[in-house]
Amino acid sequence: MERWGVKRICACCGTAYSDGDVPSPNSICRWVRQWCEEGSVSCKKPPGQPSSVRTPENIAGVFASVGSSPRRSTPKHAPALGMSDRSVQHILHTALNLHPYKLQIVHSLSNWDKEVRLQFVVSFGDVPWPPCSLDLRTPDSFLWGYLESTA
């Protein structure tokens, strides 16, 4: 198998990318080196410590705590669980897919409200509506008043 140079690879990539957004030579060299070393160019997991808060034990603890007293606030759950309130919020949002809501109180419709709404609708009277006709399509409905007066 013949070995291509970086310039030749860049030229081939330039023809493949019609918008002109060609990968840099450094990216191509990194891809080739990564392919030779690992057999893949997929991204590795980023370095750093794994999540210490979102462990299965903590998620189960938050779920049990919120399940036993759902009306308690997140900052009050946090000290009992031994973690910050932001960590509890993060677990509730991401792992448990629970989101806060605020109860909105609206008035219920009384019989008087229903009567007022009915009077409002009746005040318009009968609204003429064009009959279903093959000759009169929806875009032609603006002609209905004119056609009614001429007929």
N, C-alpha and C. Protein backbone atom coordinates (compact mmCIF):
# COMPACT_ATOMS: atom_id res chain seq x y z
N MET A 1 0.84 -1.17 0.00
CA MET A 1 0.00 0.00 0.00
C MET A 1 0.89 1.24 0.00
N GLU A 2 0.57 2.15 -0.88
CA GLU A 2 1.41 3.34 -0.98
C GLU A 2 1.07 4.34 0.11
N ARG A 3 2.07 5.02 0.60
CA ARG A 3 1.88 5.98 1.69
C ARG A 3 1.73 7.37 1.09
N TRP A 4 0.65 8.03 1.45
CA TRP A 4 0.39 9.37 0.94
C TRP A 4 1.00 10.40 1.88
N GLY A 5 1.44 11.50 1.32
CA GLY A 5 1.94 12.60 2.13
C GLY A 5 0.78 13.46 2.63
N VAL A 6 1.10 14.30 3.59
CA VAL A 6 0.08 15.15 4.18
C VAL A 6 -0.48 16.13 3.15
N LYS A 7 0.38 16.66 2.28
CA LYS A 7 -0.08 17.61 1.26
C LYS A 7 -1.05 16.95 0.30
N ARG A 8 -0.78 15.70 -0.06
CA ARG A 8 -1.67 14.99 -0.99
C ARG A 8 -3.01 14.69 -0.31
N ILE A 9 -2.97 14.34 0.97
CA ILE A 9 -4.21 14.09 1.71
C ILE A 9 -5.02 15.38 1.81
N CYS A 10 -4.34 16.51 2.09
CA CYS A 10 -5.03 17.80 2.16
C CYS A 10 -5.67 18.16 0.82
N ALA A 11 -4.96 17.86 -0.27
CA ALA A 11 -5.51 18.15 -1.59
C ALA A 11 -6.75 17.30 -1.86
N CYS A 12 -6.72 16.02 -1.48
CA CYS A 12 -7.89 15.15 -1.67
C CYS A 12 -9.04 15.61 -0.79
N CYS A 13 -8.73 16.02 0.42
CA CYS A 13 -9.79 16.52 1.31
C CYS A 13 -10.38 17.81 0.76
N GLY A 14 -9.55 18.61 0.10
CA GLY A 14 -10.04 19.86 -0.48
C GLY A 14 -11.07 19.62 -1.56
N THR A 15 -10.92 18.53 -2.32
CA THR A 15 -11.92 18.23 -3.35
C THR A 15 -13.18 17.65 -2.72
N ALA A 16 -13.05 16.98 -1.59
CA ALA A 16 -14.22 16.39 -0.94
C ALA A 16 -15.04 17.44 -0.20
N TYR A 17 -14.37 18.46 0.35
CA TYR A 17 -15.06 19.52 1.07
C TYR A 17 -15.32 20.66 0.10
N SER A 18 -16.54 20.76 -0.40
CA SER A 18 -16.85 21.77 -1.40
C SER A 18 -16.95 23.17 -0.79
N ASP A 19 -17.21 23.26 0.51
CA ASP A 19 -17.36 24.58 1.13
C ASP A 19 -16.01 25.20 1.51
N GLY A 20 -14.92 24.49 1.28
CA GLY A 20 -13.59 25.02 1.56
C GLY A 20 -13.15 24.85 2.99
N ASP A 21 -13.90 24.16 3.81
CA ASP A 21 -13.56 23.94 5.21
C ASP A 21 -12.71 22.67 5.32
N VAL A 22 -11.47 22.76 4.86
CA VAL A 22 -10.57 21.61 4.79
C VAL A 22 -9.89 21.42 6.14
N PRO A 23 -9.74 20.17 6.61
CA PRO A 23 -9.01 19.95 7.86
C PRO A 23 -7.56 20.41 7.75
N SER A 24 -7.02 20.88 8.85
CA SER A 24 -5.64 21.37 8.84
C SER A 24 -4.67 20.19 8.74
N PRO A 25 -3.45 20.44 8.29
CA PRO A 25 -2.45 19.37 8.24
C PRO A 25 -2.19 18.75 9.61
N ASN A 26 -2.24 19.55 10.67
CA ASN A 26 -2.04 19.01 12.02
C ASN A 26 -3.14 18.01 12.37
N SER A 27 -4.38 18.31 11.99
CA SER A 27 -5.48 17.38 12.27
C SER A 27 -5.28 16.08 11.51
N ILE A 28 -4.87 16.18 10.26
CA ILE A 28 -4.66 14.98 9.45
C ILE A 28 -3.54 14.13 10.03
N CYS A 29 -2.44 14.77 10.45
CA CYS A 29 -1.33 14.02 11.07
C CYS A 29 -1.79 13.35 12.36
N ARG A 30 -2.59 14.05 13.15
CA ARG A 30 -3.10 13.46 14.39
C ARG A 30 -4.00 12.28 14.09
N TRP A 31 -4.86 12.37 13.06
CA TRP A 31 -5.74 11.27 12.69
C TRP A 31 -4.95 10.05 12.23
N VAL A 32 -3.91 10.30 11.42
CA VAL A 32 -3.09 9.18 10.92
C VAL A 32 -2.37 8.51 12.08
N ARG A 33 -1.77 9.31 12.97
CA ARG A 33 -1.06 8.76 14.12
C ARG A 33 -2.03 7.97 15.02
N GLN A 34 -3.21 8.51 15.26
CA GLN A 34 -4.20 7.85 16.10
C GLN A 34 -4.68 6.56 15.44
N TRP A 35 -4.81 6.55 14.12
CA TRP A 35 -5.25 5.34 13.41
C TRP A 35 -4.19 4.25 13.52
N CYS A 36 -2.91 4.65 13.38
CA CYS A 36 -1.83 3.67 13.46
C CYS A 36 -1.69 3.11 14.88
N GLU A 37 -1.88 3.95 15.90
CA GLU A 37 -1.70 3.51 17.28
C GLU A 37 -2.91 2.73 17.81
N GLU A 38 -4.12 3.21 17.52
CA GLU A 38 -5.31 2.65 18.16
C GLU A 38 -6.25 1.93 17.21
N GLY A 39 -6.09 2.15 15.90
CA GLY A 39 -6.99 1.52 14.93
C GLY A 39 -8.33 2.22 14.82
N SER A 40 -8.42 3.43 15.35
CA SER A 40 -9.67 4.18 15.31
C SER A 40 -9.34 5.66 15.46
N VAL A 41 -10.21 6.51 14.92
CA VAL A 41 -10.02 7.95 15.08
C VAL A 41 -11.14 8.56 15.93
N SER A 42 -11.89 7.70 16.62
CA SER A 42 -12.95 8.23 17.48
C SER A 42 -12.34 8.91 18.70
N CYS A 43 -13.08 9.85 19.25
CA CYS A 43 -12.58 10.61 20.39
C CYS A 43 -12.55 9.75 21.64
N LYS A 44 -11.50 9.95 22.41
CA LYS A 44 -11.38 9.23 23.68
C LYS A 44 -12.18 9.96 24.74
N LYS A 45 -12.41 9.28 25.84
CA LYS A 45 -13.08 9.91 26.96
C LYS A 45 -12.14 10.98 27.51
N PRO A 46 -12.66 12.16 27.83
CA PRO A 46 -11.79 13.22 28.31
C PRO A 46 -11.16 12.86 29.65
N PRO A 47 -9.95 13.35 29.88
CA PRO A 47 -9.28 13.02 31.14
C PRO A 47 -9.96 13.73 32.31
N GLY A 48 -9.72 13.23 33.48
CA GLY A 48 -10.27 13.84 34.68
C GLY A 48 -10.92 12.80 35.55
N GLN A 49 -11.34 13.24 36.71
CA GLN A 49 -11.97 12.33 37.65
C GLN A 49 -13.38 12.00 37.19
N PRO A 50 -13.81 10.78 37.43
CA PRO A 50 -15.20 10.45 37.12
C PRO A 50 -16.14 11.17 38.08
N SER A 51 -17.39 11.24 37.70
CA SER A 51 -18.37 11.94 38.52
C SER A 51 -18.49 11.27 39.88
N SER A 52 -18.28 12.08 40.93
CA SER A 52 -18.35 11.52 42.28
C SER A 52 -19.72 11.71 42.89
N VAL A 53 -20.55 12.53 42.26
CA VAL A 53 -21.85 12.84 42.84
C VAL A 53 -22.93 11.96 42.23
N ARG A 54 -22.90 11.80 40.92
CA ARG A 54 -23.97 11.04 40.26
C ARG A 54 -23.66 9.55 40.24
N THR A 55 -23.44 8.99 41.38
CA THR A 55 -23.23 7.55 41.50
C THR A 55 -24.60 6.89 41.66
N PRO A 56 -24.70 5.61 41.35
CA PRO A 56 -26.00 4.94 41.51
C PRO A 56 -26.54 5.00 42.94
N GLU A 57 -25.63 4.98 43.93
CA GLU A 57 -26.08 5.06 45.32
C GLU A 57 -26.69 6.42 45.63
N ASN A 58 -26.01 7.50 45.17
CA ASN A 58 -26.54 8.84 45.42
C ASN A 58 -27.85 9.07 44.69
N ILE A 59 -27.95 8.56 43.46
CA ILE A 59 -29.19 8.72 42.69
C ILE A 59 -30.33 8.00 43.40
N ALA A 60 -30.07 6.79 43.89
CA ALA A 60 -31.10 6.05 44.61
C ALA A 60 -31.48 6.77 45.90
N GLY A 61 -30.49 7.36 46.59
CA GLY A 61 -30.77 8.11 47.82
C GLY A 61 -31.63 9.33 47.57
N VAL A 62 -31.31 10.07 46.50
CA VAL A 62 -32.11 11.26 46.17
C VAL A 62 -33.53 10.84 45.79
N PHE A 63 -33.64 9.77 45.02
CA PHE A 63 -34.96 9.28 44.60
C PHE A 63 -35.81 8.88 45.82
N ALA A 64 -35.19 8.18 46.76
CA ALA A 64 -35.91 7.75 47.96
C ALA A 64 -36.29 8.95 48.82
N SER A 65 -35.38 9.90 48.96
CA SER A 65 -35.63 11.06 49.80
C SER A 65 -36.75 11.93 49.23
N VAL A 66 -36.69 12.17 47.93
CA VAL A 66 -37.72 12.99 47.29
C VAL A 66 -39.05 12.24 47.25
N GLY A 67 -38.98 10.92 47.09
CA GLY A 67 -40.21 10.13 47.08
C GLY A 67 -40.91 10.11 48.42
N SER A 68 -40.13 10.12 49.51
CA SER A 68 -40.75 10.08 50.83
C SER A 68 -41.33 11.43 51.24
N SER A 69 -40.68 12.52 50.83
CA SER A 69 -41.21 13.85 51.16
C SER A 69 -41.07 14.76 49.93
N PRO A 70 -42.01 14.67 49.00
CA PRO A 70 -41.88 15.42 47.75
C PRO A 70 -42.09 16.92 47.90
N ARG A 71 -42.72 17.37 48.96
CA ARG A 71 -42.98 18.81 49.12
C ARG A 71 -41.80 19.55 49.75
N ARG A 72 -40.82 18.82 50.22
CA ARG A 72 -39.64 19.44 50.82
C ARG A 72 -38.76 20.03 49.73
N SER A 73 -38.13 21.15 50.01
CA SER A 73 -37.31 21.81 49.01
C SER A 73 -35.97 21.09 48.83
N THR A 74 -35.34 21.37 47.70
CA THR A 74 -34.05 20.76 47.40
C THR A 74 -32.98 21.15 48.42
N PRO A 75 -32.88 22.44 48.83
CA PRO A 75 -31.88 22.78 49.84
C PRO A 75 -32.08 22.07 51.17
N LYS A 76 -33.31 21.66 51.49
CA LYS A 76 -33.54 20.93 52.74
C LYS A 76 -33.21 19.45 52.59
N HIS A 77 -33.31 18.91 51.37
CA HIS A 77 -32.93 17.52 51.13
C HIS A 77 -31.41 17.35 51.17
N ALA A 78 -30.67 18.37 50.71
CA ALA A 78 -29.23 18.26 50.52
C ALA A 78 -28.46 17.91 51.79
N PRO A 79 -28.65 18.60 52.92
CA PRO A 79 -27.86 18.23 54.11
C PRO A 79 -28.15 16.81 54.61
N ALA A 80 -29.39 16.38 54.47
CA ALA A 80 -29.73 15.03 54.92
C ALA A 80 -29.03 13.98 54.06
N LEU A 81 -28.78 14.32 52.79
CA LEU A 81 -28.11 13.38 51.89
C LEU A 81 -26.60 13.54 51.90
N GLY A 82 -26.10 14.61 52.52
CA GLY A 82 -24.66 14.83 52.59
C GLY A 82 -24.06 15.34 51.30
N MET A 83 -24.81 16.13 50.55
CA MET A 83 -24.27 16.72 49.32
C MET A 83 -24.84 18.12 49.16
N SER A 84 -24.29 18.86 48.22
CA SER A 84 -24.74 20.23 48.02
C SER A 84 -26.12 20.25 47.36
N ASP A 85 -26.81 21.38 47.53
CA ASP A 85 -28.14 21.47 46.93
C ASP A 85 -28.06 21.48 45.41
N ARG A 86 -26.96 22.02 44.86
CA ARG A 86 -26.79 22.02 43.40
C ARG A 86 -26.60 20.60 42.88
N SER A 87 -25.91 19.75 43.64
CA SER A 87 -25.74 18.35 43.24
C SER A 87 -27.08 17.62 43.26
N VAL A 88 -27.89 17.91 44.27
CA VAL A 88 -29.22 17.29 44.33
C VAL A 88 -30.06 17.76 43.14
N GLN A 89 -29.99 19.05 42.83
CA GLN A 89 -30.72 19.57 41.67
C GLN A 89 -30.25 18.90 40.39
N HIS A 90 -28.94 18.74 40.26
CA HIS A 90 -28.37 18.13 39.06
C HIS A 90 -28.86 16.68 38.90
N ILE A 91 -28.89 15.95 39.99
CA ILE A 91 -29.38 14.56 39.94
C ILE A 91 -30.86 14.54 39.59
N LEU A 92 -31.63 15.44 40.19
CA LEU A 92 -33.07 15.48 39.90
C LEU A 92 -33.33 15.79 38.43
N HIS A 93 -32.55 16.71 37.85
CA HIS A 93 -32.78 17.11 36.47
C HIS A 93 -32.28 16.07 35.48
N THR A 94 -31.02 15.63 35.64
CA THR A 94 -30.41 14.79 34.61
C THR A 94 -30.74 13.32 34.78
N ALA A 95 -30.54 12.79 35.97
CA ALA A 95 -30.71 11.35 36.17
C ALA A 95 -32.17 10.95 36.34
N LEU A 96 -32.93 11.75 37.07
CA LEU A 96 -34.32 11.39 37.37
C LEU A 96 -35.33 12.11 36.48
N ASN A 97 -34.87 13.08 35.69
CA ASN A 97 -35.72 13.83 34.76
C ASN A 97 -36.91 14.48 35.48
N LEU A 98 -36.65 15.03 36.65
CA LEU A 98 -37.67 15.75 37.41
C LEU A 98 -37.34 17.24 37.36
N HIS A 99 -38.35 18.06 37.14
CA HIS A 99 -38.15 19.49 37.01
C HIS A 99 -39.11 20.23 37.94
N PRO A 100 -38.68 21.37 38.48
CA PRO A 100 -39.55 22.10 39.39
C PRO A 100 -40.72 22.74 38.66
N TYR A 101 -41.78 22.93 39.37
CA TYR A 101 -42.92 23.63 38.82
C TYR A 101 -43.52 24.50 39.91
N LYS A 102 -44.24 25.51 39.47
CA LYS A 102 -44.92 26.37 40.42
C LYS A 102 -46.41 26.21 40.19
N LEU A 103 -47.13 25.99 41.25
CA LEU A 103 -48.56 25.81 41.17
C LEU A 103 -49.21 27.13 40.83
N GLN A 104 -50.00 27.16 39.78
CA GLN A 104 -50.71 28.37 39.38
C GLN A 104 -52.19 28.18 39.68
N ILE A 105 -52.72 29.09 40.44
CA ILE A 105 -54.12 29.01 40.82
C ILE A 105 -54.92 29.89 39.87
N VAL A 106 -55.90 29.31 39.21
CA VAL A 106 -56.79 30.06 38.32
C VAL A 106 -58.21 29.86 38.82
N HIS A 107 -59.04 30.85 38.51
CA HIS A 107 -60.42 30.74 38.99
C HIS A 107 -61.20 29.78 38.10
N SER A 108 -62.18 29.15 38.68
CA SER A 108 -63.03 28.26 37.90
C SER A 108 -64.19 29.07 37.35
N LEU A 109 -64.71 28.64 36.22
CA LEU A 109 -65.81 29.37 35.60
C LEU A 109 -67.10 29.12 36.38
N SER A 110 -67.77 30.19 36.69
CA SER A 110 -69.06 30.06 37.37
C SER A 110 -70.17 30.03 36.32
N ASN A 111 -71.39 29.83 36.77
CA ASN A 111 -72.53 29.84 35.84
C ASN A 111 -72.68 31.20 35.18
N TRP A 112 -72.40 32.28 35.93
CA TRP A 112 -72.49 33.62 35.37
C TRP A 112 -71.49 33.80 34.22
N ASP A 113 -70.25 33.29 34.38
CA ASP A 113 -69.24 33.38 33.32
C ASP A 113 -69.71 32.66 32.06
N LYS A 114 -70.33 31.52 32.24
CA LYS A 114 -70.81 30.76 31.08
C LYS A 114 -71.91 31.52 30.35
N GLU A 115 -72.81 32.18 31.12
CA GLU A 115 -73.88 32.95 30.49
C GLU A 115 -73.33 34.14 29.72
N VAL A 116 -72.35 34.83 30.29
CA VAL A 116 -71.75 35.98 29.61
C VAL A 116 -71.07 35.54 28.32
N ARG A 117 -70.38 34.44 28.34
CA ARG A 117 -69.72 33.94 27.13
C ARG A 117 -70.74 33.54 26.07
N LEU A 118 -71.83 32.94 26.48
CA LEU A 118 -72.87 32.55 25.54
C LEU A 118 -73.52 33.77 24.92
N GLN A 119 -73.77 34.83 25.71
CA GLN A 119 -74.34 36.06 25.17
C GLN A 119 -73.39 36.70 24.17
N PHE A 120 -72.11 36.64 24.43
CA PHE A 120 -71.12 37.21 23.51
C PHE A 120 -71.17 36.50 22.16
N VAL A 121 -71.27 35.19 22.19
CA VAL A 121 -71.29 34.42 20.95
C VAL A 121 -72.59 34.67 20.19
N VAL A 122 -73.70 34.74 20.91
CA VAL A 122 -75.01 34.94 20.27
C VAL A 122 -75.10 36.34 19.68
N SER A 123 -74.38 37.32 20.23
CA SER A 123 -74.45 38.70 19.74
C SER A 123 -73.97 38.83 18.30
N PHE A 124 -73.19 37.90 17.83
CA PHE A 124 -72.74 37.96 16.44
C PHE A 124 -73.84 37.55 15.47
N GLY A 125 -74.82 36.81 15.93
CA GLY A 125 -75.91 36.37 15.07
C GLY A 125 -75.44 35.26 14.14
N ASP A 126 -76.27 35.02 13.13
CA ASP A 126 -75.94 33.98 12.17
C ASP A 126 -74.90 34.51 11.20
N VAL A 127 -73.82 33.79 11.04
CA VAL A 127 -72.77 34.16 10.11
C VAL A 127 -72.95 33.30 8.87
N PRO A 128 -73.17 33.93 7.70
CA PRO A 128 -73.37 33.11 6.50
C PRO A 128 -72.10 32.36 6.14
N TRP A 129 -72.27 31.15 5.76
CA TRP A 129 -71.15 30.30 5.42
C TRP A 129 -71.38 29.74 4.03
N PRO A 130 -70.40 29.78 3.15
CA PRO A 130 -70.64 29.28 1.80
C PRO A 130 -70.89 27.78 1.80
N PRO A 131 -71.79 27.34 0.92
CA PRO A 131 -72.05 25.91 0.86
C PRO A 131 -70.87 25.17 0.26
N CYS A 132 -70.80 23.89 0.53
CA CYS A 132 -69.75 23.08 -0.07
C CYS A 132 -70.09 22.86 -1.53
N SER A 133 -69.32 23.44 -2.38
CA SER A 133 -69.57 23.33 -3.81
C SER A 133 -68.25 23.06 -4.50
N LEU A 134 -68.30 22.29 -5.57
CA LEU A 134 -67.08 22.04 -6.32
C LEU A 134 -66.62 23.29 -7.05
N ASP A 135 -67.58 24.20 -7.33
CA ASP A 135 -67.22 25.43 -8.04
C ASP A 135 -66.59 26.46 -7.11
N LEU A 136 -66.87 26.37 -5.82
CA LEU A 136 -66.40 27.36 -4.86
C LEU A 136 -65.38 26.72 -3.93
N ARG A 137 -64.14 26.99 -4.16
CA ARG A 137 -63.06 26.44 -3.34
C ARG A 137 -62.74 27.41 -2.20
N THR A 138 -61.88 26.99 -1.28
CA THR A 138 -61.53 27.81 -0.12
C THR A 138 -60.92 29.15 -0.52
N PRO A 139 -59.99 29.21 -1.49
CA PRO A 139 -59.46 30.52 -1.87
C PRO A 139 -60.51 31.43 -2.48
N ASP A 140 -61.61 30.85 -3.00
CA ASP A 140 -62.65 31.65 -3.63
C ASP A 140 -63.71 32.10 -2.64
N SER A 141 -63.58 31.75 -1.37
CA SER A 141 -64.64 32.06 -0.41
C SER A 141 -64.80 33.56 -0.19
N PHE A 142 -63.78 34.37 -0.53
CA PHE A 142 -63.93 35.80 -0.39
C PHE A 142 -64.95 36.34 -1.39
N LEU A 143 -65.26 35.59 -2.44
CA LEU A 143 -66.25 36.01 -3.43
C LEU A 143 -67.68 35.72 -2.98
N TRP A 144 -67.86 35.07 -1.82
CA TRP A 144 -69.18 34.60 -1.41
C TRP A 144 -70.18 35.74 -1.30
N GLY A 145 -69.80 36.87 -0.72
CA GLY A 145 -70.72 37.99 -0.59
C GLY A 145 -71.14 38.52 -1.94
N TYR A 146 -70.21 38.63 -2.85
CA TYR A 146 -70.51 39.11 -4.20
C TYR A 146 -71.41 38.13 -4.94
N LEU A 147 -71.11 36.85 -4.85
CA LEU A 147 -71.91 35.85 -5.54
C LEU A 147 -73.32 35.79 -4.96
N GLU A 148 -73.45 35.97 -3.64
CA GLU A 148 -74.76 35.92 -3.00
C GLU A 148 -75.63 37.10 -3.44
N SER A 149 -74.99 38.28 -3.61
CA SER A 149 -75.77 39.46 -4.00
C SER A 149 -76.20 39.40 -5.46
N THR A 150 -75.41 38.75 -6.31
CA THR A 150 -75.77 38.68 -7.73
C THR A 150 -76.77 37.57 -8.01
N ALA A 151 -76.86 36.58 -7.15
CA ALA A 151 -77.75 35.45 -7.42
C ALA A 151 -79.17 35.74 -7.03
